[in-house]
Amino acid sequence: MTFDIVAHINALSHEEEELYAAAAGEGGLSAEEMARLEEIKVDLDRTYDLLHQRQARIAAGLDPDEAELRPADVVEGYQQ
């Protein structure tokens, strides 16, 4: 794996929390901040999906490094 998945999730979550805290203020969020919040949400979904793929591959006795980061349109199309 070329990057630390958990560290990436933690960094995104921290940035997301900061934006939500800023949104609670009087001025709310700018259009740029709102767009960044949406980017973070999608990136978190994609990264969690990758983490789950890796965990499933390990459980199945397969190489977790063969898991791939899926495109946003695929991950965002999953049913909840």
C-alpha atoms as a PDB file:
ATOM      1  CA  MET A   1       0.000   0.000   0.000  1.00  0.00           C
ATOM      2  CA  THR A   2       1.430   3.341  -1.004  1.00  0.00           C
ATOM      3  CA  PHE A   3      -0.163   5.380   1.781  1.00  0.00           C
ATOM      4  CA  ASP A   4      -1.358   4.913   5.346  1.00  0.00           C
ATOM      5  CA  ILE A   5      -5.126   4.438   5.009  1.00  0.00           C
ATOM      6  CA  VAL A   6      -5.936   5.053   8.666  1.00  0.00           C
ATOM      7  CA  ALA A   7      -3.814   8.222   8.799  1.00  0.00           C
ATOM      8  CA  HIS A   8      -5.558   9.489   5.654  1.00  0.00           C
ATOM      9  CA  ILE A   9      -8.992   8.796   7.181  1.00  0.00           C
ATOM     10  CA  ASN A  10      -7.969  10.560  10.388  1.00  0.00           C
ATOM     11  CA  ALA A  11      -6.679  13.613   8.510  1.00  0.00           C
ATOM     12  CA  LEU A  12      -9.855  13.884   6.441  1.00  0.00           C
ATOM     13  CA  SER A  13     -12.039  13.433   9.528  1.00  0.00           C
ATOM     14  CA  HIS A  14     -10.139  16.171  11.337  1.00  0.00           C
ATOM     15  CA  GLU A  15     -10.585  18.572   8.427  1.00  0.00           C
ATOM     16  CA  GLU A  16     -14.273  17.651   8.205  1.00  0.00           C
ATOM     17  CA  GLU A  17     -14.741  18.379  11.924  1.00  0.00           C
ATOM     18  CA  GLU A  18     -13.055  21.762  11.516  1.00  0.00           C
ATOM     19  CA  LEU A  19     -15.404  22.659   8.670  1.00  0.00           C
ATOM     20  CA  TYR A  20     -18.472  21.578  10.656  1.00  0.00           C
ATOM     21  CA  ALA A  21     -17.270  23.687  13.579  1.00  0.00           C
ATOM     22  CA  ALA A  22     -16.840  26.672  11.256  1.00  0.00           C
ATOM     23  CA  ALA A  23     -20.321  26.071   9.852  1.00  0.00           C
ATOM     24  CA  ALA A  24     -21.773  26.469  13.331  1.00  0.00           C
ATOM     25  CA  GLY A  25     -20.481  30.042  13.452  1.00  0.00           C
ATOM     26  CA  GLU A  26     -22.460  33.082  12.410  1.00  0.00           C
ATOM     27  CA  GLY A  27     -21.057  33.248   8.904  1.00  0.00           C
ATOM     28  CA  GLY A  28     -21.526  29.597   8.055  1.00  0.00           C
ATOM     29  CA  LEU A  29     -19.383  28.174   5.276  1.00  0.00           C
ATOM     30  CA  SER A  30     -18.294  29.822   2.053  1.00  0.00           C
ATOM     31  CA  ALA A  31     -19.087  28.162  -1.257  1.00  0.00           C
ATOM     32  CA  GLU A  32     -15.465  27.004  -1.421  1.00  0.00           C
ATOM     33  CA  GLU A  33     -15.681  25.468   2.056  1.00  0.00           C
ATOM     34  CA  MET A  34     -18.972  23.738   1.184  1.00  0.00           C
ATOM     35  CA  ALA A  35     -17.369  22.271  -1.936  1.00  0.00           C
ATOM     36  CA  ARG A  36     -14.389  21.094   0.111  1.00  0.00           C
ATOM     37  CA  LEU A  37     -16.727  19.449   2.623  1.00  0.00           C
ATOM     38  CA  GLU A  38     -18.371  17.507  -0.207  1.00  0.00           C
ATOM     39  CA  GLU A  39     -14.935  16.474  -1.535  1.00  0.00           C
ATOM     40  CA  ILE A  40     -13.982  15.231   1.923  1.00  0.00           C
ATOM     41  CA  LYS A  41     -17.171  13.176   2.223  1.00  0.00           C
ATOM     42  CA  VAL A  42     -16.530  11.468  -1.107  1.00  0.00           C
ATOM     43  CA  ASP A  43     -12.850  10.907  -0.315  1.00  0.00           C
ATOM     44  CA  LEU A  44     -13.792   9.378   3.052  1.00  0.00           C
ATOM     45  CA  ASP A  45     -16.280   7.048   1.360  1.00  0.00           C
ATOM     46  CA  ARG A  46     -13.661   5.948  -1.160  1.00  0.00           C
ATOM     47  CA  THR A  47     -10.995   5.449   1.497  1.00  0.00           C
ATOM     48  CA  TYR A  48     -13.291   3.473   3.809  1.00  0.00           C
ATOM     49  CA  ASP A  49     -14.257   1.336   0.814  1.00  0.00           C
ATOM     50  CA  LEU A  50     -10.578   0.627   0.175  1.00  0.00           C
ATOM     51  CA  LEU A  51     -10.062  -0.262   3.838  1.00  0.00           C
ATOM     52  CA  HIS A  52     -13.024  -2.666   3.711  1.00  0.00           C
ATOM     53  CA  GLN A  53     -11.718  -4.239   0.509  1.00  0.00           C
ATOM     54  CA  ARG A  54      -8.350  -4.820   2.160  1.00  0.00           C
ATOM     55  CA  GLN A  55      -9.966  -6.334   5.258  1.00  0.00           C
ATOM     56  CA  ALA A  56     -12.105  -8.641   3.116  1.00  0.00           C
ATOM     57  CA  ARG A  57      -9.101  -9.754   1.086  1.00  0.00           C
ATOM     58  CA  ILE A  58      -7.181 -10.555   4.272  1.00  0.00           C
ATOM     59  CA  ALA A  59     -10.151 -12.546   5.629  1.00  0.00           C
ATOM     60  CA  ALA A  60     -10.309 -14.482   2.349  1.00  0.00           C
ATOM     61  CA  GLY A  61      -6.578 -15.228   2.400  1.00  0.00           C
ATOM     62  CA  LEU A  62      -5.882 -12.934  -0.547  1.00  0.00           C
ATOM     63  CA  ASP A  63      -3.300 -10.191  -0.988  1.00  0.00           C
ATOM     64  CA  PRO A  64      -4.712  -6.949   0.479  1.00  0.00           C
ATOM     65  CA  ASP A  65      -2.350  -4.890  -1.681  1.00  0.00           C
ATOM     66  CA  GLU A  66      -4.396  -5.913  -4.711  1.00  0.00           C
ATOM     67  CA  ALA A  67      -7.353  -3.855  -3.428  1.00  0.00           C
ATOM     68  CA  GLU A  68      -7.880  -0.733  -5.499  1.00  0.00           C
ATOM     69  CA  LEU A  69      -9.276   2.695  -4.767  1.00  0.00           C
ATOM     70  CA  ARG A  70     -12.572   2.713  -6.636  1.00  0.00           C
ATOM     71  CA  PRO A  71     -13.808   5.741  -8.593  1.00  0.00           C
ATOM     72  CA  ALA A  72     -16.111   8.149  -6.777  1.00  0.00           C
ATOM     73  CA  ASP A  73     -19.070   7.417  -9.056  1.00  0.00           C
ATOM     74  CA  VAL A  74     -18.865   3.713  -8.163  1.00  0.00           C
ATOM     75  CA  VAL A  75     -18.548   4.205  -4.413  1.00  0.00           C
ATOM     76  CA  GLU A  76     -21.151   6.960  -4.267  1.00  0.00           C
ATOM     77  CA  GLY A  77     -23.584   4.708  -6.151  1.00  0.00           C
ATOM     78  CA  TYR A  78     -23.635   2.075  -3.395  1.00  0.00           C
ATOM     79  CA  GLN A  79     -26.975   1.578  -1.680  1.00  0.00           C
ATOM     80  CA  GLN A  80     -26.988   2.327   2.018  1.00  0.00           C
END
